[in-house]
């Protein structure tokens, strides 16, 4: 099984984010996200995808329980 799903990603349109967040919630999975920045090889800016701090808190708490 999986513990989480990357719901927030620089390639995801708003309707994708909603769909992935619904899948994560339905399956009691953690939500995560990031900009997918891997240096200058891709046309993605560092810090281009904002991830709410509560996403970090839930991930941190899941690792410490």
N, C-alpha and C. Protein backbone atom coordinates (compact mmCIF):
# COMPACT_ATOMS: atom_id res chain seq x y z
N UNK A 1 0.82 -1.19 0.00
CA UNK A 1 0.00 0.00 0.00
C UNK A 1 0.86 1.25 0.00
N UNK A 2 0.21 2.32 -0.23
CA UNK A 2 0.86 3.63 -0.25
C UNK A 2 0.42 4.45 0.94
N UNK A 3 1.31 5.28 1.45
CA UNK A 3 0.97 6.18 2.55
C UNK A 3 0.56 7.56 2.06
N UNK A 4 1.00 7.94 0.87
CA UNK A 4 0.73 9.29 0.40
C UNK A 4 0.68 9.39 -1.10
N UNK A 5 0.21 10.57 -1.55
CA UNK A 5 0.06 10.86 -2.97
C UNK A 5 0.49 12.30 -3.20
N UNK A 6 1.32 12.53 -4.21
CA UNK A 6 1.73 13.90 -4.55
C UNK A 6 0.58 14.58 -5.28
N UNK A 7 -0.17 15.37 -4.53
CA UNK A 7 -1.34 16.03 -5.08
C UNK A 7 -1.03 17.41 -5.64
N UNK A 8 0.00 18.04 -5.11
CA UNK A 8 0.39 19.38 -5.54
C UNK A 8 1.68 19.29 -6.34
N UNK A 9 1.60 19.64 -7.60
CA UNK A 9 2.75 19.49 -8.50
C UNK A 9 2.66 20.57 -9.56
N UNK A 10 3.79 21.05 -10.03
CA UNK A 10 3.82 22.14 -11.01
C UNK A 10 3.14 21.77 -12.32
N UNK A 11 3.02 20.50 -12.65
CA UNK A 11 2.35 20.07 -13.88
C UNK A 11 0.85 19.87 -13.72
N UNK A 12 0.34 19.94 -12.50
CA UNK A 12 -1.08 19.67 -12.26
C UNK A 12 -1.93 20.92 -12.43
N UNK A 13 -2.98 20.80 -13.24
CA UNK A 13 -3.97 21.85 -13.36
C UNK A 13 -4.84 21.83 -12.09
N UNK A 14 -5.55 22.92 -11.78
CA UNK A 14 -6.39 22.94 -10.58
C UNK A 14 -7.36 21.76 -10.47
N UNK A 15 -7.95 21.34 -11.59
CA UNK A 15 -8.88 20.20 -11.52
C UNK A 15 -8.14 18.89 -11.23
N UNK A 16 -6.87 18.79 -11.65
CA UNK A 16 -6.05 17.61 -11.31
C UNK A 16 -5.81 17.57 -9.80
N UNK A 17 -5.46 18.73 -9.23
CA UNK A 17 -5.21 18.81 -7.79
C UNK A 17 -6.44 18.36 -7.02
N UNK A 18 -7.61 18.85 -7.40
CA UNK A 18 -8.86 18.47 -6.74
C UNK A 18 -9.10 16.97 -6.84
N UNK A 19 -8.87 16.41 -8.01
CA UNK A 19 -9.08 14.98 -8.22
C UNK A 19 -8.11 14.15 -7.39
N UNK A 20 -6.84 14.53 -7.38
CA UNK A 20 -5.84 13.79 -6.61
C UNK A 20 -6.06 13.92 -5.11
N UNK A 21 -6.47 15.11 -4.65
CA UNK A 21 -6.77 15.29 -3.23
C UNK A 21 -7.97 14.45 -2.82
N UNK A 22 -8.97 14.33 -3.69
CA UNK A 22 -10.12 13.48 -3.39
C UNK A 22 -9.71 12.01 -3.31
N UNK A 23 -8.84 11.58 -4.21
CA UNK A 23 -8.34 10.19 -4.17
C UNK A 23 -7.58 9.95 -2.87
N UNK A 24 -6.72 10.89 -2.49
CA UNK A 24 -5.95 10.74 -1.25
C UNK A 24 -6.88 10.68 -0.05
N UNK A 25 -7.86 11.55 0.01
CA UNK A 25 -8.79 11.56 1.15
C UNK A 25 -9.60 10.27 1.20
N UNK A 26 -10.10 9.84 0.06
CA UNK A 26 -10.93 8.62 0.00
C UNK A 26 -10.15 7.40 0.47
N UNK A 27 -8.85 7.39 0.22
CA UNK A 27 -8.01 6.24 0.58
C UNK A 27 -7.20 6.46 1.86
N UNK A 28 -7.55 7.54 2.59
CA UNK A 28 -6.88 7.87 3.86
C UNK A 28 -5.35 7.95 3.69
N UNK A 29 -4.95 8.64 2.62
CA UNK A 29 -3.53 8.81 2.30
C UNK A 29 -3.11 10.23 2.63
N UNK A 30 -1.83 10.41 2.91
CA UNK A 30 -1.26 11.74 3.08
C UNK A 30 -1.17 12.43 1.73
N UNK A 31 -1.25 13.75 1.75
CA UNK A 31 -1.07 14.55 0.55
C UNK A 31 0.29 15.21 0.63
N UNK A 32 0.99 15.27 -0.50
CA UNK A 32 2.29 15.94 -0.54
C UNK A 32 2.38 16.77 -1.81
N UNK A 33 3.49 17.48 -1.95
CA UNK A 33 3.63 18.28 -3.15
C UNK A 33 5.01 18.87 -3.27
N UNK A 34 5.28 19.42 -4.43
CA UNK A 34 6.55 20.07 -4.68
C UNK A 34 6.59 20.64 -6.08
N UNK A 35 7.64 21.39 -6.35
CA UNK A 35 7.76 22.04 -7.66
C UNK A 35 8.35 21.13 -8.72
N UNK A 36 8.96 20.03 -8.30
CA UNK A 36 9.65 19.10 -9.20
C UNK A 36 10.85 19.77 -9.84
N UNK A 37 11.49 20.68 -9.11
CA UNK A 37 12.68 21.37 -9.60
C UNK A 37 13.87 20.43 -9.53
N UNK A 38 14.55 20.23 -10.66
CA UNK A 38 15.72 19.37 -10.73
C UNK A 38 16.88 20.09 -11.41
N UNK A 39 17.01 21.36 -11.14
CA UNK A 39 18.06 22.14 -11.78
C UNK A 39 17.57 22.74 -13.08
N UNK A 40 18.47 23.19 -13.88
CA UNK A 40 18.11 23.92 -15.10
C UNK A 40 17.74 23.02 -16.27
N UNK A 41 17.65 21.70 -16.04
CA UNK A 41 17.30 20.76 -17.11
C UNK A 41 15.85 20.89 -17.54
N UNK A 42 14.99 21.39 -16.64
CA UNK A 42 13.56 21.51 -16.94
C UNK A 42 13.13 22.96 -16.83
N UNK A 43 12.02 23.27 -17.44
CA UNK A 43 11.48 24.63 -17.38
C UNK A 43 10.55 24.77 -16.17
N UNK A 44 11.11 24.47 -14.98
CA UNK A 44 10.36 24.56 -13.73
C UNK A 44 11.18 25.40 -12.78
N UNK A 45 10.54 26.39 -12.16
CA UNK A 45 11.25 27.28 -11.25
C UNK A 45 11.30 26.68 -9.85
N UNK A 46 12.42 26.87 -9.19
CA UNK A 46 12.54 26.49 -7.79
C UNK A 46 11.53 27.32 -7.00
N UNK A 47 10.79 26.66 -6.14
CA UNK A 47 9.76 27.30 -5.33
C UNK A 47 8.57 27.76 -6.18
N UNK A 48 8.39 27.18 -7.36
CA UNK A 48 7.29 27.55 -8.24
C UNK A 48 5.95 26.97 -7.82
N UNK A 49 5.98 25.95 -6.99
CA UNK A 49 4.75 25.32 -6.51
C UNK A 49 4.68 25.53 -5.00
N UNK A 50 3.71 26.26 -4.54
CA UNK A 50 3.54 26.49 -3.11
C UNK A 50 2.81 25.31 -2.49
N UNK A 51 3.33 24.86 -1.36
CA UNK A 51 2.72 23.77 -0.62
C UNK A 51 2.39 24.29 0.78
N UNK A 52 1.13 24.21 1.20
CA UNK A 52 0.75 24.74 2.51
C UNK A 52 1.54 24.08 3.65
N UNK A 53 1.83 24.84 4.68
CA UNK A 53 2.62 24.35 5.80
C UNK A 53 1.93 23.18 6.51
N UNK A 54 0.61 23.11 6.47
CA UNK A 54 -0.08 21.99 7.13
C UNK A 54 0.21 20.66 6.44
N UNK A 55 0.55 20.70 5.16
CA UNK A 55 0.96 19.47 4.46
C UNK A 55 2.26 18.96 5.08
N UNK A 56 3.19 19.87 5.32
CA UNK A 56 4.44 19.50 5.98
C UNK A 56 4.17 18.94 7.37
N UNK A 57 3.32 19.61 8.14
CA UNK A 57 3.03 19.16 9.51
C UNK A 57 2.45 17.74 9.52
N UNK A 58 1.55 17.45 8.60
CA UNK A 58 0.95 16.10 8.56
C UNK A 58 2.00 15.05 8.18
N UNK A 59 2.89 15.38 7.24
CA UNK A 59 3.95 14.45 6.87
C UNK A 59 4.91 14.23 8.04
N UNK A 60 5.31 15.31 8.69
CA UNK A 60 6.21 15.21 9.84
C UNK A 60 5.57 14.38 10.94
N UNK A 61 4.32 14.63 11.25
CA UNK A 61 3.64 13.90 12.32
C UNK A 61 3.51 12.42 11.98
N UNK A 62 3.30 12.10 10.72
CA UNK A 62 3.18 10.71 10.31
C UNK A 62 4.51 9.97 10.48
N UNK A 63 5.61 10.68 10.34
CA UNK A 63 6.93 10.06 10.49
C UNK A 63 7.33 9.87 11.93
N UNK A 64 6.72 10.58 12.84
CA UNK A 64 7.11 10.53 14.24
C UNK A 64 6.16 9.72 15.10
N UNK A 65 5.15 9.12 14.49
CA UNK A 65 4.20 8.31 15.27
C UNK A 65 4.52 6.84 15.13
